[in-house]
Amino acid sequence: MYDLGDTVEMKKPHACQTNRWQIIRMGADIKIKCENCGHIVMMTRREFEKKMKKVLEKKKEE
């Protein structure tokens, strides 16, 4: 599945032509940040699960 800090790929690319997003907040809503331009988007968990394609990288454990 996905977790806080993971990098995910969404089905549609962002306007800046990248498709890598980092999950920065999780709860009833999920907040993701574009890794190219830094734009932040918040959406419901249900909407996020519909729009997410796959997890690209798991968060690195320190």
Protein backbone atom coordinates (compact mmCIF):
# COMPACT_ATOMS: atom_id res chain seq x y z
CA MET A 1 0.00 0.00 0.00
CA TYR A 2 1.21 3.58 0.60
CA ASP A 3 2.42 5.45 3.66
CA LEU A 4 3.55 8.91 4.77
CA GLY A 5 6.69 10.03 2.91
CA ASP A 6 6.27 7.62 -0.02
CA THR A 7 6.66 8.80 -3.61
CA VAL A 8 3.70 7.89 -5.80
CA GLU A 9 2.74 8.16 -9.47
CA MET A 10 -0.68 9.55 -10.33
CA LYS A 11 -2.68 8.59 -13.44
CA LYS A 12 -2.49 12.08 -14.96
CA PRO A 13 0.71 14.18 -15.01
CA HIS A 14 0.85 17.59 -13.34
CA ALA A 15 0.90 20.78 -15.42
CA CYS A 16 4.71 20.95 -14.97
CA GLN A 17 4.91 17.61 -16.88
CA THR A 18 6.11 15.45 -13.98
CA ASN A 19 4.23 12.59 -12.43
CA ARG A 20 6.07 12.14 -9.10
CA TRP A 21 4.32 13.18 -5.91
CA GLN A 22 5.35 12.80 -2.27
CA ILE A 23 2.73 12.08 0.40
CA ILE A 24 3.19 14.76 3.10
CA ARG A 25 0.01 14.31 5.18
CA MET A 26 -2.31 11.39 5.81
CA GLY A 27 -5.65 11.19 7.59
CA ALA A 28 -9.19 11.35 6.26
CA ASP A 29 -7.63 13.63 3.62
CA ILE A 30 -4.29 13.09 1.89
CA LYS A 31 -1.92 15.93 0.98
CA ILE A 32 0.61 15.37 -1.79
CA LYS A 33 3.44 17.59 -3.05
CA CYS A 34 4.77 17.71 -6.61
CA GLU A 35 8.48 16.79 -6.60
CA ASN A 36 9.24 19.07 -9.57
CA CYS A 37 7.53 22.39 -8.82
CA GLY A 38 6.50 21.98 -5.16
CA HIS A 39 2.75 22.45 -5.75
CA ILE A 40 0.65 20.97 -2.93
CA VAL A 41 -2.72 19.28 -3.52
CA MET A 42 -5.12 17.99 -0.87
CA MET A 43 -7.80 15.41 -1.68
CA THR A 44 -9.95 12.86 0.08
CA ARG A 45 -8.49 9.40 0.63
CA ARG A 46 -11.12 7.89 -1.68
CA GLU A 47 -10.29 10.35 -4.48
CA PHE A 48 -6.54 9.75 -3.97
CA GLU A 49 -6.95 5.97 -4.24
CA LYS A 50 -8.86 6.41 -7.51
CA LYS A 51 -6.23 8.74 -9.02
CA MET A 52 -3.06 6.97 -7.79
CA LYS A 53 -1.38 4.62 -10.26
CA LYS A 54 1.42 3.07 -8.17
CA VAL A 55 3.97 3.60 -5.41
CA LEU A 56 7.35 4.46 -6.94
CA GLU A 57 9.51 4.61 -3.79
CA LYS A 58 8.91 3.74 -0.18
CA LYS A 59 10.11 6.23 2.46
CA LYS A 60 13.71 5.62 3.44
CA GLU A 61 14.02 4.53 7.08
CA GLU A 62 16.75 6.25 9.09
